[in-house]
Amino acid sequence: MVPFTESNDIVQDGAALAARMRRDGYLFLRGLLPREDVAAVQRQVGEIVRAAGWLRNDRPVEQAVADPAGFCVDPEPAYLTTLRKINRLQDYHELKHHPALIGVFERMLGGPILPHPRVLMRNIFPAREEITTKAHQDFPNVQGTTEVYTAWIPLIDCPMEVGPLQVAAGTHDDGVYDFHIGAGAGGIEIKDGLEGRWASGAFAVGDVLIFHSMTVHKGVPNRSDRLRMSMDVRFQLVSEPFNPDNANPDGQPLSWEEVYADWRSDELKYYWKRLPLTLKAFDPQWFEKRDALAFELGEAGDPRARSVLQRIVARDADPTKRMRAQHLLDALPPLAPAGSVH
């Protein structure tokens, strides 16, 4: 693994940003967002997850010290209940509209920008390496256009032991990689190990990693005592096709009316409906392959099927598939207790 290439020296140069993205498939920008703006979101999210039992009560919420007894994982019901509360926070959603973020994309892409309405919150418990997000690409999950970019925004400082993100440079030019199933981020893990192509590094609050929808990326195991808290926000040109699934809030069943119920202002509500978007429906081919693999492993009693089976139960529209997945989940052995936090 090599250190990220930092791009602060070209942050105001749209042509240089675009050229580097074409070369590497990512941009690492230190201090792009004001630390206090991100910290304010972390405090609000932290209070919610502490009330859910995910953080220790005897430590400041800003430290995000995890309580292992609260362990849960997306898409378990306990996790989704808390996620829906997070998704009602106005400041959480407004961070994606920050001028510093929008400005980078406007300069790099050269046109009006659509921040995706759906924001993804990631809360990764420590000492649970089996749930570390595996190598994957965002495009099979996001779709619309390949020219979608994710901004990964840590809400706490993330030295390597807390488990930041790593990317495989240049993989955005290789098409959709073959995959099997894995934990996290849609339940997909690419088969190619991509040895020698990985880059990563420590993050401070305010740092942002931006990467192309086809860039392979994965988590670093969280070997700290902290709950690794981060946000995924997607951006694209307004003129590019948009998958309307990305206009739904995360943590469904949840409506925008519920999300907006306690907001202080109306300016950013339903902002995407005022834009001239071209819609492109979701292509299920990759999820159909994923689900077939999960059912095959589940029938064999293989615990690697767990994450995808949970996703089918929580999110699939087909009641027959949900019932089959639940039956297989019930037959799998339970997750092992967490290891020692170190």
Protein backbone atom coordinates (compact mmCIF):
# COMPACT_ATOMS: atom_id res chain seq x y z
CA MET A 1 0.00 0.00 0.00
CA VAL A 2 1.24 3.49 -0.88
CA PRO A 3 0.16 6.90 0.49
CA PHE A 4 -2.60 8.82 -1.24
CA THR A 5 -1.52 11.38 -3.82
CA GLU A 6 -2.67 14.69 -2.32
CA SER A 7 -4.36 17.17 -4.65
CA ASN A 8 -4.55 20.35 -2.59
CA ASP A 9 -2.02 22.01 -4.88
CA ILE A 10 -4.46 21.80 -7.81
CA VAL A 11 -7.77 22.24 -5.98
CA GLN A 12 -8.55 25.50 -7.81
CA ASP A 13 -7.54 24.18 -11.24
CA GLY A 14 -10.46 22.35 -12.85
CA ALA A 15 -8.45 21.01 -15.79
CA ALA A 16 -5.77 19.62 -13.48
CA LEU A 17 -8.38 18.03 -11.20
CA ALA A 18 -10.04 16.37 -14.20
CA ALA A 19 -6.70 15.12 -15.51
CA ARG A 20 -5.73 13.62 -12.17
CA MET A 21 -9.12 11.97 -11.80
CA ARG A 22 -8.72 10.48 -15.29
CA ARG A 23 -5.28 9.16 -14.30
CA ASP A 24 -5.89 7.88 -10.77
CA GLY A 25 -9.65 7.57 -10.34
CA TYR A 26 -9.52 9.51 -7.07
CA LEU A 27 -8.63 12.85 -5.43
CA PHE A 28 -7.48 13.22 -1.83
CA LEU A 29 -8.05 16.71 -0.44
CA ARG A 30 -6.86 17.65 3.03
CA GLY A 31 -8.93 20.19 4.95
CA LEU A 32 -11.42 20.74 2.14
CA LEU A 33 -14.27 21.17 4.62
CA PRO A 34 -14.05 23.34 7.74
CA ARG A 35 -13.38 21.07 10.69
CA GLU A 36 -16.09 22.66 12.83
CA ASP A 37 -18.76 22.16 10.16
CA VAL A 38 -18.03 18.43 10.06
CA ALA A 39 -17.65 18.20 13.84
CA ALA A 40 -21.09 19.77 14.30
CA VAL A 41 -22.62 16.95 12.26
CA GLN A 42 -20.62 14.37 14.23
CA ARG A 43 -21.93 15.69 17.53
CA GLN A 44 -25.53 15.40 16.38
CA VAL A 45 -25.04 11.93 14.91
CA GLY A 46 -23.02 10.94 17.98
CA GLU A 47 -25.84 11.83 20.36
CA ILE A 48 -28.21 9.62 18.39
CA VAL A 49 -25.89 6.63 18.26
CA ARG A 50 -24.96 7.02 21.93
CA ALA A 51 -28.66 6.92 22.82
CA ALA A 52 -28.83 3.70 20.80
CA GLY A 53 -26.06 2.19 22.95
CA TRP A 54 -23.32 2.33 20.32
CA LEU A 55 -21.04 4.72 22.25
CA ARG A 56 -19.84 4.64 25.83
CA ASN A 57 -21.72 7.03 28.11
CA ASP A 58 -18.64 7.81 30.22
CA ARG A 59 -16.68 9.34 27.33
CA PRO A 60 -17.32 12.54 25.33
CA VAL A 61 -19.44 11.92 22.25
CA GLU A 62 -16.75 13.64 20.15
CA GLN A 63 -14.33 10.80 20.96
CA ALA A 64 -16.75 8.21 19.52
CA VAL A 65 -15.55 5.46 21.88
CA ALA A 66 -17.61 2.41 20.98
CA ASP A 67 -19.63 0.30 23.38
CA PRO A 68 -19.19 -3.26 22.09
CA ALA A 69 -22.46 -4.28 23.74
CA GLY A 70 -24.31 -2.11 21.22
CA PHE A 71 -22.89 -3.91 18.20
CA CYS A 72 -25.12 -4.10 15.16
CA VAL A 73 -24.57 -3.82 11.44
CA ASP A 74 -26.44 -2.61 8.37
CA PRO A 75 -29.10 -3.85 7.53
CA GLU A 76 -30.08 -5.36 10.89
CA PRO A 77 -33.30 -3.85 12.32
CA ALA A 78 -31.51 -2.19 15.26
CA TYR A 79 -29.09 -0.51 12.87
CA LEU A 80 -31.81 0.70 10.49
CA THR A 81 -33.90 2.13 13.34
CA THR A 82 -30.97 4.34 14.37
CA LEU A 83 -30.11 5.16 10.76
CA ARG A 84 -33.60 6.55 10.20
CA LYS A 85 -33.10 8.93 13.12
CA ILE A 86 -29.78 10.14 11.69
CA ASN A 87 -31.42 10.74 8.34
CA ARG A 88 -33.77 13.30 9.88
CA LEU A 89 -30.89 15.67 10.74
CA GLN A 90 -30.87 18.82 8.62
CA ASP A 91 -27.16 19.56 9.09
CA TYR A 92 -26.31 16.00 8.04
CA HIS A 93 -28.00 16.50 4.67
CA GLU A 94 -26.86 20.08 4.20
CA LEU A 95 -23.16 19.19 4.42
CA LYS A 96 -23.26 17.86 0.85
CA HIS A 97 -24.22 21.34 -0.37
CA HIS A 98 -21.13 22.98 1.17
CA PRO A 99 -19.61 25.42 -1.35
CA ALA A 100 -16.16 23.86 -0.94
CA LEU A 101 -17.49 20.47 -2.08
CA ILE A 102 -19.72 21.77 -4.85
CA GLY A 103 -16.90 23.99 -6.10
CA VAL A 104 -14.51 21.07 -6.60
CA PHE A 105 -17.05 19.22 -8.72
CA GLU A 106 -18.04 22.30 -10.71
CA ARG A 107 -14.42 22.97 -11.58
CA MET A 108 -13.58 19.35 -12.34
CA LEU A 109 -16.71 18.49 -14.34
CA GLY A 110 -17.38 21.89 -15.88
CA GLY A 111 -21.12 22.24 -15.32
CA PRO A 112 -24.02 22.42 -12.84
CA ILE A 113 -23.78 19.72 -10.16
CA LEU A 114 -26.39 17.40 -8.67
CA PRO A 115 -25.57 16.19 -5.15
CA HIS A 116 -27.50 12.95 -4.81
CA PRO A 117 -30.40 13.27 -2.35
CA ARG A 118 -29.50 9.96 -0.69
CA VAL A 119 -26.70 10.27 1.86
CA LEU A 120 -25.14 7.11 3.33
CA MET A 121 -24.00 6.97 6.94
CA ARG A 122 -21.38 4.37 7.81
CA ASN A 123 -20.84 3.35 11.44
CA ILE A 124 -18.19 0.63 11.74
CA PHE A 125 -17.71 -1.01 15.12
CA PRO A 126 -14.17 -1.96 16.20
CA ALA A 127 -12.80 -5.47 16.68
CA ARG A 128 -15.13 -6.87 14.02
CA GLU A 129 -12.86 -7.49 11.07
CA GLU A 130 -15.41 -9.83 9.49
CA ILE A 131 -17.65 -6.83 8.73
CA THR A 132 -14.91 -4.67 7.22
CA THR A 133 -16.18 -3.43 3.85
CA LYS A 134 -14.69 -5.57 1.09
CA ALA A 135 -13.27 -4.41 -2.26
CA HIS A 136 -16.05 -3.20 -4.54
CA GLN A 137 -17.12 -0.57 -7.05
CA ASP A 138 -20.00 1.82 -6.46
CA PHE A 139 -21.43 1.72 -9.97
CA PRO A 140 -23.46 -1.54 -9.66
CA ASN A 141 -25.21 0.01 -6.64
CA VAL A 142 -25.55 3.61 -7.87
CA GLN A 143 -25.87 3.45 -11.68
CA GLY A 144 -27.50 6.16 -13.82
CA THR A 145 -24.14 7.11 -15.31
CA THR A 146 -20.62 5.88 -14.70
CA GLU A 147 -19.70 9.54 -14.18
CA VAL A 148 -20.88 9.56 -10.57
CA TYR A 149 -18.35 10.47 -7.90
CA THR A 150 -18.41 9.59 -4.21
CA ALA A 151 -17.12 11.97 -1.56
CA TRP A 152 -16.04 9.97 1.50
CA ILE A 153 -16.19 12.26 4.53
CA PRO A 154 -14.98 10.98 7.93
CA LEU A 155 -16.79 12.50 10.90
CA ILE A 156 -13.96 11.64 13.29
CA ASP A 157 -10.19 11.63 12.87
CA CYS A 158 -9.25 8.35 11.18
CA PRO A 159 -5.66 7.23 11.66
CA MET A 160 -5.03 3.86 10.09
CA GLU A 161 -6.03 1.92 13.21
CA VAL A 162 -9.56 3.42 13.07
CA GLY A 163 -10.08 1.95 9.62
CA PRO A 164 -10.26 4.60 6.89
CA LEU A 165 -10.80 3.87 3.21
CA GLN A 166 -8.31 2.62 0.64
CA VAL A 167 -8.58 2.82 -3.15
CA ALA A 168 -7.01 0.88 -6.01
CA ALA A 169 -5.65 3.59 -8.29
CA GLY A 170 -6.51 3.39 -11.98
CA THR A 171 -9.18 0.71 -11.65
CA HIS A 172 -11.88 3.08 -12.92
CA ASP A 173 -10.75 2.26 -16.48
CA ASP A 174 -11.23 -1.51 -16.18
CA GLY A 175 -15.02 -1.89 -16.43
CA VAL A 176 -17.11 -3.76 -13.86
CA TYR A 177 -14.96 -6.36 -12.13
CA ASP A 178 -16.15 -9.91 -11.57
CA PHE A 179 -17.26 -10.42 -7.99
CA HIS A 180 -18.51 -12.77 -5.34
CA ILE A 181 -20.45 -11.79 -2.23
CA GLY A 182 -18.97 -10.03 0.78
CA ALA A 183 -19.78 -7.87 3.80
CA GLY A 184 -20.81 -4.24 3.48
CA ALA A 185 -21.58 -1.82 0.62
CA GLY A 186 -24.15 -3.80 -1.33
CA GLY A 187 -22.77 -7.21 -0.39
CA ILE A 188 -20.29 -7.38 -3.27
CA GLU A 189 -16.58 -8.24 -3.17
CA ILE A 190 -14.48 -8.23 -6.34
CA LYS A 191 -12.36 -11.32 -6.96
CA ASP A 192 -9.17 -9.61 -8.17
CA GLY A 193 -6.84 -8.80 -5.26
CA LEU A 194 -5.28 -5.88 -7.19
CA GLU A 195 -1.93 -6.33 -5.47
CA GLY A 196 0.33 -3.31 -5.71
CA ARG A 197 -2.42 -0.85 -6.62
CA TRP A 198 -3.77 0.16 -3.20
CA ALA A 199 -3.40 3.64 -1.71
CA SER A 200 -4.56 4.90 1.68
CA GLY A 201 -3.61 7.15 4.57
CA ALA A 202 -4.71 8.79 7.79
CA PHE A 203 -7.63 11.24 7.66
CA ALA A 204 -8.35 14.26 9.84
CA VAL A 205 -11.81 15.75 10.20
CA GLY A 206 -12.30 18.02 7.18
CA ASP A 207 -10.33 15.79 4.78
CA VAL A 208 -12.31 14.39 1.83
CA LEU A 209 -11.61 11.49 -0.53
CA ILE A 210 -13.37 11.75 -3.91
CA PHE A 211 -13.44 8.77 -6.27
CA HIS A 212 -15.06 7.63 -9.52
CA SER A 213 -17.99 5.18 -9.45
CA MET A 214 -15.82 2.51 -11.10
CA THR A 215 -12.82 2.93 -8.77
CA VAL A 216 -12.33 -0.15 -6.60
CA HIS A 217 -12.17 0.68 -2.89
CA LYS A 218 -12.49 -1.05 0.47
CA GLY A 219 -12.28 -0.42 4.18
CA VAL A 220 -9.26 -0.79 6.42
CA PRO A 221 -10.05 -2.94 9.50
CA ASN A 222 -11.04 -0.90 12.55
CA ARG A 223 -8.57 -2.04 15.22
CA SER A 224 -9.15 0.89 17.58
CA ASP A 225 -11.70 1.39 20.34
CA ARG A 226 -13.67 3.94 18.25
CA LEU A 227 -16.84 3.76 16.22
CA ARG A 228 -15.65 4.75 12.76
CA MET A 229 -18.21 7.32 11.63
CA SER A 230 -18.24 8.49 8.02
CA MET A 231 -20.55 9.73 5.26
CA ASP A 232 -20.78 8.76 1.59
CA VAL A 233 -22.20 11.49 -0.65
CA ARG A 234 -22.49 11.15 -4.43
CA PHE A 235 -22.22 13.89 -7.07
CA GLN A 236 -22.72 14.09 -10.82
CA LEU A 237 -23.44 16.59 -13.56
CA VAL A 238 -27.11 17.58 -13.79
CA SER A 239 -26.87 16.76 -17.51
CA GLU A 240 -25.88 13.10 -16.94
CA PRO A 241 -28.54 10.34 -16.57
CA PHE A 242 -29.75 9.89 -12.99
CA ASN A 243 -31.00 6.69 -11.37
CA PRO A 244 -34.18 7.78 -9.50
CA ASP A 245 -33.53 5.21 -6.76
CA ASN A 246 -30.87 7.63 -5.52
CA ALA A 247 -33.60 10.17 -4.80
CA ASN A 248 -34.91 7.98 -1.97
CA PRO A 249 -33.60 8.58 1.55
CA ASP A 250 -31.41 5.91 3.07
CA GLY A 251 -32.92 3.73 5.77
CA GLN A 252 -36.22 2.97 4.09
CA PRO A 253 -39.05 2.70 4.89
CA LEU A 254 -38.55 6.44 5.36
CA SER A 255 -40.17 9.28 3.45
CA TRP A 256 -38.81 12.75 2.75
CA GLU A 257 -41.80 14.13 4.64
CA GLU A 258 -40.49 12.30 7.71
CA VAL A 259 -36.93 13.44 7.02
CA TYR A 260 -37.99 17.08 6.73
CA ALA A 261 -40.41 17.12 9.68
CA ASP A 262 -38.13 19.05 12.06
CA TRP A 263 -36.02 21.06 9.63
CA ARG A 264 -35.47 24.72 10.42
CA SER A 265 -35.79 25.94 6.82
CA ASP A 266 -37.26 24.88 3.47
CA GLU A 267 -34.61 26.06 1.01
CA LEU A 268 -33.02 22.68 0.30
CA LYS A 269 -36.10 20.49 0.55
CA TYR A 270 -36.73 18.56 -2.69
CA TYR A 271 -34.00 20.56 -4.43
CA TRP A 272 -33.50 17.87 -7.11
CA LYS A 273 -37.12 18.21 -8.28
CA ARG A 274 -36.29 21.70 -9.52
CA LEU A 275 -33.56 20.39 -11.83
CA PRO A 276 -33.96 19.16 -15.46
CA LEU A 277 -32.91 15.57 -14.78
CA THR A 278 -32.88 12.72 -17.29
CA LEU A 279 -33.89 9.53 -15.49
CA LYS A 280 -32.42 6.10 -16.17
CA ALA A 281 -33.88 3.05 -14.45
CA PHE A 282 -31.79 0.73 -12.28
CA ASP A 283 -30.37 -2.34 -14.07
CA PRO A 284 -30.74 -5.30 -11.67
CA GLN A 285 -28.27 -7.64 -13.40
CA TRP A 286 -25.50 -7.31 -10.79
CA PHE A 287 -27.84 -7.64 -7.82
CA GLU A 288 -29.54 -10.66 -9.40
CA LYS A 289 -26.13 -12.33 -9.70
CA ARG A 290 -25.28 -11.34 -6.12
CA ASP A 291 -28.55 -12.72 -4.76
CA ALA A 292 -28.17 -16.02 -6.64
CA LEU A 293 -24.69 -16.45 -5.15
CA ALA A 294 -26.04 -15.70 -1.67
CA PHE A 295 -28.83 -18.25 -1.97
CA GLU A 296 -26.35 -20.88 -3.18
CA LEU A 297 -24.02 -20.26 -0.23
CA GLY A 298 -26.93 -19.99 2.20
CA GLU A 299 -28.27 -23.37 1.14
CA ALA A 300 -24.83 -24.77 1.95
CA GLY A 301 -24.87 -23.14 5.40
CA ASP A 302 -21.99 -20.82 4.50
CA PRO A 303 -21.91 -17.75 6.81
CA ARG A 304 -20.51 -15.62 3.99
CA ALA A 305 -24.10 -15.42 2.73
CA ARG A 306 -25.27 -13.54 5.84
CA SER A 307 -24.77 -9.93 4.71
CA VAL A 308 -26.55 -10.34 1.38
CA LEU A 309 -29.38 -12.41 2.86
CA GLN A 310 -29.93 -9.64 5.42
CA ARG A 311 -30.10 -7.10 2.58
CA ILE A 312 -32.68 -9.18 0.74
CA VAL A 313 -34.84 -9.43 3.87
CA ALA A 314 -34.56 -5.70 4.57
CA ARG A 315 -34.85 -4.26 1.07
CA ASP A 316 -36.05 -6.63 -1.65
CA ALA A 317 -39.51 -5.99 -3.10
CA ASP A 318 -40.21 -9.70 -3.71
CA PRO A 319 -41.88 -11.30 -0.64
CA THR A 320 -40.96 -14.79 -1.81
CA LYS A 321 -37.27 -13.87 -1.95
CA ARG A 322 -37.50 -12.21 1.47
CA MET A 323 -39.08 -15.30 2.98
CA ARG A 324 -36.48 -17.61 1.46
CA ALA A 325 -33.64 -15.37 2.65
CA GLN A 326 -35.04 -15.22 6.18
CA HIS A 327 -35.33 -19.01 6.30
CA LEU A 328 -31.68 -19.36 5.31
CA LEU A 329 -30.59 -16.68 7.79
CA ASP A 330 -32.34 -18.47 10.61
CA ALA A 331 -30.32 -21.60 9.82
CA LEU A 332 -26.91 -19.88 9.81
CA PRO A 333 -24.71 -19.99 12.94
CA PRO A 334 -24.68 -16.70 14.89
CA LEU A 335 -21.84 -14.22 14.55
CA ALA A 336 -18.89 -14.91 16.84
CA PRO A 337 -18.40 -12.52 19.79
CA ALA A 338 -16.18 -9.53 19.17
CA GLY A 339 -12.48 -10.01 19.71
CA SER A 340 -10.42 -7.92 22.07
CA VAL A 341 -10.24 -4.21 21.25
CA HIS A 342 -6.64 -3.10 20.85
